[in-house]
Amino acid sequence: MRHLGLMFAAAATAAALAGCGKSPTSPAANQAQTNSSQPSTAPSAEPTDQEKAALVATLPAPYNTGDLANGEAKFALCKSCHTLTPDGADMTGPNLSGIFGRKAAGKPGYNYSDALKAQSFTWDPQHLDTWLTDPKAMVPNTKMTFVGFKDPKDRIDVIAYLKAETSPHP
């Protein structure tokens, strides 16, 4: 009876994998597929580490020295209000995809505070650094409640992370 249960579980797993476009194969078969000499023609949705490094290298000093792992860890505080993916949802804060080079309060469809709408700057590393230090000091009456990152290294790292994660990549 136990043998039938295991066979049923294996059949259910195979059916589930087939439903998502995968087929159960042996580790050897998976390795053969991985080592296939056929190049992948599908574009990568996620930038590679090399692409991320190249994007960060385009930033002026000191932002081009940012630690992406620390930036990602520090950005965890921001995730409750912001998304990063292209066409990602606006939440309490706007989606940040394409933030570099965008006019302050310039993301279509997001309801910015009047204080931020009155600004004329474009987001660049220096403006992001000032903003991430203390948003309410930079733009009094902004609706952003974040108190800021006090450590300059954390700001450098978050800015590098934002550049790597929100900029178009080849």
N, C-alpha and C. Protein backbone atom coordinates (compact mmCIF):
# COMPACT_ATOMS: atom_id res chain seq x y z
N MET A 1 0.82 -1.18 0.00
CA MET A 1 0.00 0.00 0.00
C MET A 1 0.87 1.26 0.00
N ARG A 2 1.94 1.23 0.80
CA ARG A 2 2.85 2.38 0.85
C ARG A 2 3.47 2.61 -0.53
N HIS A 3 3.76 1.53 -1.23
CA HIS A 3 4.34 1.63 -2.57
C HIS A 3 3.40 2.36 -3.51
N LEU A 4 2.10 2.09 -3.41
CA LEU A 4 1.12 2.79 -4.25
C LEU A 4 1.09 4.28 -3.92
N GLY A 5 1.23 4.61 -2.64
CA GLY A 5 1.25 6.02 -2.23
C GLY A 5 2.43 6.75 -2.82
N LEU A 6 3.58 6.10 -2.82
CA LEU A 6 4.77 6.72 -3.40
C LEU A 6 4.62 6.89 -4.91
N MET A 7 4.03 5.88 -5.56
CA MET A 7 3.81 5.98 -7.00
C MET A 7 2.85 7.12 -7.31
N PHE A 8 1.80 7.26 -6.48
CA PHE A 8 0.85 8.34 -6.69
C PHE A 8 1.53 9.70 -6.51
N ALA A 9 2.36 9.83 -5.47
CA ALA A 9 3.07 11.08 -5.22
C ALA A 9 3.99 11.41 -6.39
N ALA A 10 4.68 10.41 -6.93
CA ALA A 10 5.57 10.65 -8.07
C ALA A 10 4.78 11.08 -9.29
N ALA A 11 3.63 10.44 -9.52
CA ALA A 11 2.79 10.81 -10.66
C ALA A 11 2.25 12.21 -10.50
N ALA A 12 1.86 12.57 -9.28
CA ALA A 12 1.33 13.92 -9.02
C ALA A 12 2.42 14.97 -9.24
N THR A 13 3.62 14.67 -8.80
CA THR A 13 4.74 15.60 -9.01
C THR A 13 5.02 15.78 -10.50
N ALA A 14 5.03 14.67 -11.24
CA ALA A 14 5.27 14.75 -12.68
C ALA A 14 4.18 15.57 -13.36
N ALA A 15 2.94 15.39 -12.95
CA ALA A 15 1.84 16.15 -13.54
C ALA A 15 1.97 17.63 -13.21
N ALA A 16 2.35 17.94 -11.98
CA ALA A 16 2.51 19.34 -11.59
C ALA A 16 3.63 20.00 -12.37
N LEU A 17 4.74 19.28 -12.53
CA LEU A 17 5.86 19.83 -13.29
C LEU A 17 5.49 20.01 -14.75
N ALA A 18 4.75 19.08 -15.30
CA ALA A 18 4.33 19.21 -16.70
C ALA A 18 3.41 20.40 -16.86
N GLY A 19 2.60 20.69 -15.84
CA GLY A 19 1.68 21.82 -15.91
C GLY A 19 2.38 23.16 -15.94
N CYS A 20 3.59 23.22 -15.40
CA CYS A 20 4.32 24.49 -15.42
C CYS A 20 5.41 24.48 -16.49
N GLY A 21 5.31 23.51 -17.41
CA GLY A 21 6.23 23.49 -18.53
C GLY A 21 7.55 22.81 -18.24
N LYS A 22 7.63 22.11 -17.09
CA LYS A 22 8.86 21.40 -16.76
C LYS A 22 8.57 19.92 -16.78
N SER A 23 9.58 19.15 -17.01
CA SER A 23 9.41 17.71 -16.96
C SER A 23 10.41 17.15 -15.97
N PRO A 24 10.00 16.11 -15.24
CA PRO A 24 10.94 15.53 -14.29
C PRO A 24 12.03 14.79 -15.05
N THR A 25 13.26 15.11 -14.76
CA THR A 25 14.37 14.43 -15.40
C THR A 25 15.38 14.08 -14.34
N SER A 26 16.27 13.22 -14.68
CA SER A 26 17.32 12.83 -13.74
C SER A 26 18.32 13.97 -13.62
N PRO A 27 19.08 14.00 -12.52
CA PRO A 27 20.13 15.01 -12.40
C PRO A 27 21.09 14.98 -13.58
N ALA A 28 21.37 13.78 -14.10
CA ALA A 28 22.28 13.68 -15.25
C ALA A 28 21.67 14.35 -16.47
N ALA A 29 20.36 14.16 -16.68
CA ALA A 29 19.70 14.80 -17.81
C ALA A 29 19.69 16.32 -17.64
N ASN A 30 19.45 16.77 -16.40
CA ASN A 30 19.48 18.22 -16.13
C ASN A 30 20.86 18.78 -16.42
N GLN A 31 21.91 18.06 -16.01
CA GLN A 31 23.28 18.51 -16.26
C GLN A 31 23.56 18.56 -17.75
N ALA A 32 23.06 17.58 -18.51
CA ALA A 32 23.27 17.56 -19.95
C ALA A 32 22.60 18.76 -20.59
N GLN A 33 21.39 19.12 -20.10
CA GLN A 33 20.70 20.29 -20.64
C GLN A 33 21.49 21.56 -20.31
N THR A 34 22.01 21.63 -19.08
CA THR A 34 22.77 22.80 -18.65
C THR A 34 24.04 22.95 -19.47
N ASN A 35 24.68 21.84 -19.78
CA ASN A 35 25.95 21.87 -20.51
C ASN A 35 25.75 21.89 -22.02
N SER A 36 24.54 22.01 -22.48
CA SER A 36 24.26 22.00 -23.91
C SER A 36 25.04 23.10 -24.61
N SER A 37 25.53 22.81 -25.80
CA SER A 37 26.29 23.80 -26.55
C SER A 37 25.38 24.80 -27.24
N GLN A 38 24.07 24.61 -27.16
CA GLN A 38 23.12 25.53 -27.77
C GLN A 38 23.05 26.80 -26.93
N PRO A 39 23.32 27.98 -27.51
CA PRO A 39 23.21 29.21 -26.73
C PRO A 39 21.75 29.54 -26.49
N SER A 40 21.50 30.19 -25.37
CA SER A 40 20.14 30.61 -25.05
C SER A 40 19.81 31.85 -25.87
N THR A 41 18.64 31.85 -26.47
CA THR A 41 18.24 33.01 -27.27
C THR A 41 17.27 33.89 -26.52
N ALA A 42 16.79 33.44 -25.37
CA ALA A 42 15.85 34.25 -24.60
C ALA A 42 16.61 35.37 -23.92
N PRO A 43 16.09 36.60 -23.98
CA PRO A 43 16.76 37.69 -23.29
C PRO A 43 16.64 37.52 -21.79
N SER A 44 17.67 37.91 -21.08
CA SER A 44 17.68 37.80 -19.63
C SER A 44 16.83 38.91 -19.03
N ALA A 45 15.87 38.53 -18.20
CA ALA A 45 15.03 39.52 -17.54
C ALA A 45 15.79 40.15 -16.39
N GLU A 46 16.65 39.41 -15.79
CA GLU A 46 17.44 39.88 -14.66
C GLU A 46 18.84 40.22 -15.15
N PRO A 47 19.34 41.43 -14.84
CA PRO A 47 20.70 41.75 -15.29
C PRO A 47 21.73 40.83 -14.63
N THR A 48 22.77 40.52 -15.36
CA THR A 48 23.84 39.70 -14.81
C THR A 48 24.67 40.54 -13.85
N ASP A 49 25.51 39.86 -13.07
CA ASP A 49 26.40 40.58 -12.16
C ASP A 49 27.31 41.54 -12.93
N GLN A 50 27.76 41.10 -14.12
CA GLN A 50 28.62 41.95 -14.95
C GLN A 50 27.86 43.19 -15.43
N GLU A 51 26.61 43.01 -15.82
CA GLU A 51 25.80 44.16 -16.27
C GLU A 51 25.56 45.13 -15.11
N LYS A 52 25.30 44.58 -13.94
CA LYS A 52 25.10 45.43 -12.76
C LYS A 52 26.37 46.21 -12.44
N ALA A 53 27.52 45.53 -12.49
CA ALA A 53 28.80 46.19 -12.22
C ALA A 53 29.05 47.29 -13.25
N ALA A 54 28.72 47.05 -14.50
CA ALA A 54 28.91 48.06 -15.54
C ALA A 54 28.02 49.27 -15.29
N LEU A 55 26.79 49.04 -14.86
CA LEU A 55 25.89 50.16 -14.54
C LEU A 55 26.43 50.97 -13.37
N VAL A 56 26.88 50.30 -12.33
CA VAL A 56 27.43 51.00 -11.17
C VAL A 56 28.68 51.79 -11.56
N ALA A 57 29.49 51.25 -12.46
CA ALA A 57 30.72 51.93 -12.90
C ALA A 57 30.42 53.25 -13.61
N THR A 58 29.20 53.42 -14.12
CA THR A 58 28.85 54.68 -14.79
C THR A 58 28.55 55.80 -13.80
N LEU A 59 28.39 55.46 -12.54
CA LEU A 59 28.10 56.48 -11.53
C LEU A 59 29.35 57.28 -11.21
N PRO A 60 29.18 58.54 -10.82
CA PRO A 60 30.36 59.30 -10.38
C PRO A 60 30.85 58.79 -9.02
N ALA A 61 32.12 59.09 -8.72
CA ALA A 61 32.67 58.74 -7.40
C ALA A 61 31.91 59.54 -6.34
N PRO A 62 31.67 59.01 -5.21
CA PRO A 62 32.04 57.71 -4.67
C PRO A 62 30.99 56.61 -4.93
N TYR A 63 29.92 56.96 -5.62
CA TYR A 63 28.80 56.02 -5.80
C TYR A 63 29.20 54.80 -6.63
N ASN A 64 30.20 54.97 -7.49
CA ASN A 64 30.67 53.85 -8.33
C ASN A 64 31.43 52.79 -7.53
N THR A 65 31.61 53.03 -6.24
CA THR A 65 32.28 52.06 -5.37
C THR A 65 31.29 51.33 -4.47
N GLY A 66 30.00 51.53 -4.71
CA GLY A 66 28.99 50.97 -3.83
C GLY A 66 29.01 49.46 -3.74
N ASP A 67 28.69 48.96 -2.57
CA ASP A 67 28.59 47.53 -2.28
C ASP A 67 27.13 47.12 -2.50
N LEU A 68 26.89 46.36 -3.59
CA LEU A 68 25.52 46.00 -3.95
C LEU A 68 24.85 45.12 -2.90
N ALA A 69 25.59 44.26 -2.26
CA ALA A 69 24.99 43.40 -1.24
C ALA A 69 24.51 44.23 -0.05
N ASN A 70 25.32 45.17 0.40
CA ASN A 70 24.89 46.04 1.49
C ASN A 70 23.74 46.95 1.04
N GLY A 71 23.83 47.44 -0.20
CA GLY A 71 22.75 48.27 -0.72
C GLY A 71 21.43 47.53 -0.74
N GLU A 72 21.48 46.27 -1.15
CA GLU A 72 20.26 45.45 -1.17
C GLU A 72 19.74 45.24 0.26
N ALA A 73 20.65 44.97 1.19
CA ALA A 73 20.24 44.77 2.58
C ALA A 73 19.61 46.03 3.16
N LYS A 74 20.19 47.17 2.88
CA LYS A 74 19.65 48.44 3.39
C LYS A 74 18.34 48.80 2.70
N PHE A 75 18.23 48.46 1.41
CA PHE A 75 17.00 48.75 0.66
C PHE A 75 15.82 47.95 1.21
N ALA A 76 16.08 46.91 1.97
CA ALA A 76 15.00 46.13 2.58
C ALA A 76 14.06 47.05 3.38
N LEU A 77 14.60 48.12 3.95
CA LEU A 77 13.77 49.09 4.66
C LEU A 77 12.81 49.82 3.72
N CYS A 78 13.16 49.92 2.47
CA CYS A 78 12.39 50.67 1.49
C CYS A 78 11.33 49.82 0.80
N LYS A 79 11.50 48.50 0.84
CA LYS A 79 10.64 47.58 0.10
C LYS A 79 9.18 47.61 0.54
N SER A 80 8.92 48.06 1.75
CA SER A 80 7.53 48.10 2.19
C SER A 80 6.75 49.20 1.47
N CYS A 81 7.46 50.14 0.85
CA CYS A 81 6.80 51.25 0.16
C CYS A 81 7.13 51.34 -1.33
N HIS A 82 8.23 50.75 -1.78
CA HIS A 82 8.69 50.90 -3.16
C HIS A 82 8.96 49.56 -3.83
N THR A 83 8.64 49.49 -5.12
CA THR A 83 9.04 48.37 -5.97
C THR A 83 10.07 48.89 -6.96
N LEU A 84 10.81 47.96 -7.57
CA LEU A 84 11.91 48.35 -8.46
C LEU A 84 11.74 47.86 -9.89
N THR A 85 10.93 46.87 -10.12
CA THR A 85 10.85 46.24 -11.43
C THR A 85 10.14 47.13 -12.45
N PRO A 86 10.54 47.04 -13.71
CA PRO A 86 9.84 47.81 -14.74
C PRO A 86 8.35 47.49 -14.69
N ASP A 87 7.54 48.51 -14.78
CA ASP A 87 6.08 48.38 -14.71
C ASP A 87 5.61 47.80 -13.39
N GLY A 88 6.44 47.85 -12.36
CA GLY A 88 6.04 47.38 -11.04
C GLY A 88 5.00 48.31 -10.45
N ALA A 89 4.31 47.82 -9.47
CA ALA A 89 3.23 48.57 -8.84
C ALA A 89 3.75 49.74 -8.03
N ASP A 90 2.95 50.78 -8.01
CA ASP A 90 3.17 51.85 -7.04
C ASP A 90 2.55 51.35 -5.74
N MET A 91 3.20 51.68 -4.66
CA MET A 91 2.67 51.29 -3.36
C MET A 91 2.46 52.58 -2.57
N THR A 92 2.84 52.61 -1.32
CA THR A 92 2.79 53.87 -0.57
C THR A 92 3.68 54.89 -1.26
N GLY A 93 4.79 54.42 -1.79
CA GLY A 93 5.70 55.24 -2.59
C GLY A 93 5.67 54.77 -4.04
N PRO A 94 6.20 55.58 -4.94
CA PRO A 94 6.18 55.20 -6.36
C PRO A 94 7.15 54.07 -6.68
N ASN A 95 6.88 53.36 -7.76
CA ASN A 95 7.83 52.40 -8.30
C ASN A 95 9.07 53.19 -8.71
N LEU A 96 10.24 52.64 -8.44
CA LEU A 96 11.49 53.37 -8.69
C LEU A 96 12.21 52.96 -9.97
N SER A 97 11.62 52.10 -10.76
CA SER A 97 12.26 51.71 -12.01
C SER A 97 12.47 52.95 -12.88
N GLY A 98 13.69 53.12 -13.37
CA GLY A 98 13.99 54.28 -14.20
C GLY A 98 14.14 55.58 -13.44
N ILE A 99 14.42 55.51 -12.14
CA ILE A 99 14.51 56.72 -11.31
C ILE A 99 15.63 57.66 -11.77
N PHE A 100 16.76 57.10 -12.21
CA PHE A 100 17.88 57.97 -12.61
C PHE A 100 17.51 58.73 -13.88
N GLY A 101 17.60 60.05 -13.80
CA GLY A 101 17.27 60.89 -14.95
C GLY A 101 15.81 61.31 -15.00
N ARG A 102 15.01 60.87 -14.06
CA ARG A 102 13.60 61.24 -14.03
C ARG A 102 13.43 62.49 -13.18
N LYS A 103 12.57 63.38 -13.63
CA LYS A 103 12.26 64.60 -12.88
C LYS A 103 11.60 64.22 -11.57
N ALA A 104 11.90 64.96 -10.53
CA ALA A 104 11.24 64.74 -9.24
C ALA A 104 9.73 64.79 -9.45
N ALA A 105 9.02 63.87 -8.83
CA ALA A 105 7.55 63.76 -8.96
C ALA A 105 7.14 63.52 -10.40
N GLY A 106 8.02 62.87 -11.18
CA GLY A 106 7.77 62.72 -12.60
C GLY A 106 7.24 61.37 -13.05
N LYS A 107 6.98 60.45 -12.14
CA LYS A 107 6.45 59.15 -12.57
C LYS A 107 4.95 59.29 -12.81
N PRO A 108 4.52 59.05 -14.03
CA PRO A 108 3.10 59.17 -14.33
C PRO A 108 2.25 58.22 -13.48
N GLY A 109 1.12 58.72 -13.04
CA GLY A 109 0.16 57.90 -12.32
C GLY A 109 0.33 57.85 -10.82
N TYR A 110 1.42 58.38 -10.29
CA TYR A 110 1.61 58.37 -8.84
C TYR A 110 1.19 59.72 -8.27
N ASN A 111 0.52 59.72 -7.15
CA ASN A 111 0.03 60.94 -6.51
C ASN A 111 1.08 61.47 -5.52
N TYR A 112 1.97 62.30 -6.03
CA TYR A 112 3.02 62.89 -5.21
C TYR A 112 2.47 64.02 -4.35
N SER A 113 3.21 64.36 -3.30
CA SER A 113 2.86 65.51 -2.47
C SER A 113 3.05 66.79 -3.29
N ASP A 114 2.31 67.81 -2.94
CA ASP A 114 2.47 69.11 -3.61
C ASP A 114 3.89 69.63 -3.44
N ALA A 115 4.49 69.37 -2.28
CA ALA A 115 5.86 69.82 -2.02
C ALA A 115 6.85 69.20 -3.01
N LEU A 116 6.70 67.92 -3.31
CA LEU A 116 7.60 67.28 -4.27
C LEU A 116 7.27 67.70 -5.69
N LYS A 117 5.99 67.89 -5.98
CA LYS A 117 5.59 68.36 -7.32
C LYS A 117 6.18 69.73 -7.64
N ALA A 118 6.43 70.52 -6.62
CA ALA A 118 6.97 71.88 -6.82
C ALA A 118 8.47 71.88 -7.11
N GLN A 119 9.13 70.74 -6.98
CA GLN A 119 10.58 70.66 -7.20
C GLN A 119 10.89 70.60 -8.70
N SER A 120 12.07 71.10 -9.06
CA SER A 120 12.45 71.10 -10.48
C SER A 120 13.69 70.26 -10.77
N PHE A 121 14.21 69.56 -9.79
CA PHE A 121 15.44 68.78 -10.02
C PHE A 121 15.12 67.43 -10.67
N THR A 122 16.17 66.82 -11.18
CA THR A 122 16.12 65.49 -11.76
C THR A 122 16.90 64.56 -10.85
N TRP A 123 16.39 63.35 -10.68
CA TRP A 123 17.06 62.40 -9.78
C TRP A 123 18.39 61.95 -10.36
N ASP A 124 19.45 62.19 -9.61
CA ASP A 124 20.80 61.77 -9.93
C ASP A 124 21.42 61.31 -8.61
N PRO A 125 22.63 60.78 -8.63
CA PRO A 125 23.20 60.27 -7.37
C PRO A 125 23.27 61.32 -6.26
N GLN A 126 23.63 62.55 -6.59
CA GLN A 126 23.76 63.58 -5.55
C GLN A 126 22.40 63.92 -4.93
N HIS A 127 21.36 64.05 -5.76
CA HIS A 127 20.03 64.35 -5.22
C HIS A 127 19.49 63.16 -4.42
N LEU A 128 19.74 61.96 -4.90
CA LEU A 128 19.33 60.78 -4.14
C LEU A 128 20.05 60.72 -2.80
N ASP A 129 21.32 61.08 -2.77
CA ASP A 129 22.09 61.07 -1.52
C ASP A 129 21.48 62.04 -0.52
N THR A 130 21.18 63.24 -0.97
CA THR A 130 20.56 64.23 -0.09
C THR A 130 19.20 63.74 0.39
N TRP A 131 18.41 63.20 -0.53
CA TRP A 131 17.08 62.68 -0.20
C TRP A 131 17.17 61.54 0.82
N LEU A 132 18.09 60.61 0.57
CA LEU A 132 18.22 59.45 1.46
C LEU A 132 18.84 59.81 2.81
N THR A 133 19.45 60.99 2.91
CA THR A 133 19.96 61.46 4.20
C THR A 133 18.80 61.88 5.09
N ASP A 134 17.87 62.66 4.53
CA ASP A 134 16.72 63.16 5.29
C ASP A 134 15.71 63.77 4.31
N PRO A 135 14.75 62.98 3.85
CA PRO A 135 13.80 63.48 2.85
C PRO A 135 13.06 64.75 3.29
N LYS A 136 12.67 64.83 4.55
CA LYS A 136 11.91 65.99 5.01
C LYS A 136 12.76 67.25 5.12
N ALA A 137 14.07 67.10 5.29
CA ALA A 137 14.95 68.26 5.29
C ALA A 137 15.14 68.76 3.86
N MET A 138 15.21 67.83 2.92
CA MET A 138 15.40 68.21 1.51
C MET A 138 14.14 68.84 0.95
N VAL A 139 12.98 68.24 1.22
CA VAL A 139 11.70 68.73 0.70
C VAL A 139 10.71 68.77 1.86
N PRO A 140 10.68 69.89 2.58
CA PRO A 140 9.72 69.99 3.68
C PRO A 140 8.30 69.74 3.16
N ASN A 141 7.50 69.08 3.97
CA ASN A 141 6.11 68.74 3.66
C ASN A 141 5.96 67.61 2.65
N THR A 142 7.06 66.90 2.36
CA THR A 142 6.90 65.70 1.55
C THR A 142 6.10 64.69 2.37
N LYS A 143 5.41 63.79 1.69
CA LYS A 143 4.65 62.79 2.44
C LYS A 143 5.49 61.56 2.78
N MET A 144 6.75 61.53 2.32
CA MET A 144 7.61 60.40 2.65
C MET A 144 8.00 60.47 4.12
N THR A 145 7.77 59.38 4.85
CA THR A 145 8.00 59.37 6.29
C THR A 145 9.35 58.78 6.69
N PHE A 146 10.11 58.27 5.74
CA PHE A 146 11.41 57.67 6.03
C PHE A 146 12.33 58.70 6.67
N VAL A 147 13.02 58.31 7.74
CA VAL A 147 13.88 59.25 8.46
C VAL A 147 15.27 59.38 7.85
N GLY A 148 15.63 58.49 6.95
CA GLY A 148 16.91 58.61 6.26
C GLY A 148 17.97 57.64 6.77
N PHE A 149 19.00 57.49 5.95
CA PHE A 149 20.18 56.70 6.31
C PHE A 149 21.23 57.69 6.78
N LYS A 150 21.68 57.55 8.00
CA LYS A 150 22.67 58.49 8.54
C LYS A 150 24.09 58.16 8.10
N ASP A 151 24.38 56.89 7.84
CA ASP A 151 25.73 56.47 7.44
C ASP A 151 25.93 56.74 5.94
N PRO A 152 26.90 57.59 5.60
CA PRO A 152 27.15 57.89 4.18
C PRO A 152 27.43 56.64 3.34
N LYS A 153 28.11 55.65 3.90
CA LYS A 153 28.42 54.41 3.16
C LYS A 153 27.13 53.67 2.80
N ASP A 154 26.16 53.66 3.70
CA ASP A 154 24.88 53.02 3.40
C ASP A 154 24.18 53.72 2.25
N ARG A 155 24.24 55.04 2.22
CA ARG A 155 23.61 55.79 1.11
C ARG A 155 24.32 55.48 -0.21
N ILE A 156 25.63 55.46 -0.20
CA ILE A 156 26.41 55.12 -1.41
C ILE A 156 25.99 53.74 -1.91
N ASP A 157 25.88 52.81 -0.99
CA ASP A 157 25.54 51.43 -1.37
C ASP A 157 24.11 51.33 -1.89
N VAL A 158 23.17 52.03 -1.28
CA VAL A 158 21.78 52.00 -1.75
C VAL A 158 21.69 52.65 -3.13
N ILE A 159 22.39 53.72 -3.35
CA ILE A 159 22.37 54.40 -4.65
C ILE A 159 22.95 53.48 -5.73
N ALA A 160 24.05 52.81 -5.42
CA ALA A 160 24.63 51.85 -6.37
C ALA A 160 23.63 50.72 -6.65
N TYR A 161 22.99 50.22 -5.60
CA TYR A 161 21.99 49.16 -5.76
C TYR A 161 20.82 49.64 -6.62
N LEU A 162 20.34 50.84 -6.37
CA LEU A 162 19.25 51.38 -7.20
C LEU A 162 19.67 51.50 -8.66
N LYS A 163 20.88 51.95 -8.90
CA LYS A 163 21.38 52.06 -10.28
C LYS A 163 21.38 50.69 -10.94
N ALA A 164 21.89 49.68 -10.23
CA ALA A 164 21.98 48.34 -10.79
C ALA A 164 20.62 47.71 -11.01
N GLU A 165 19.66 48.01 -10.17
CA GLU A 165 18.37 47.32 -10.22
C GLU A 165 17.29 48.08 -11.00
N THR A 166 17.46 49.37 -11.20
CA THR A 166 16.37 50.16 -11.81
C THR A 166 16.71 50.72 -13.18
N SER A 167 17.93 50.52 -13.63
CA SER A 167 18.34 51.06 -14.92
C SER A 167 18.18 50.01 -16.00
N PRO A 168 17.84 50.44 -17.21
CA PRO A 168 17.78 49.47 -18.32
C PRO A 168 19.14 48.83 -18.51
N HIS A 169 19.14 47.57 -18.86
CA HIS A 169 20.40 46.87 -19.12
C HIS A 169 20.33 46.24 -20.50
N PRO A 170 21.54 46.04 -21.07
CA PRO A 170 21.59 45.51 -22.43
C PRO A 170 20.99 44.12 -22.55
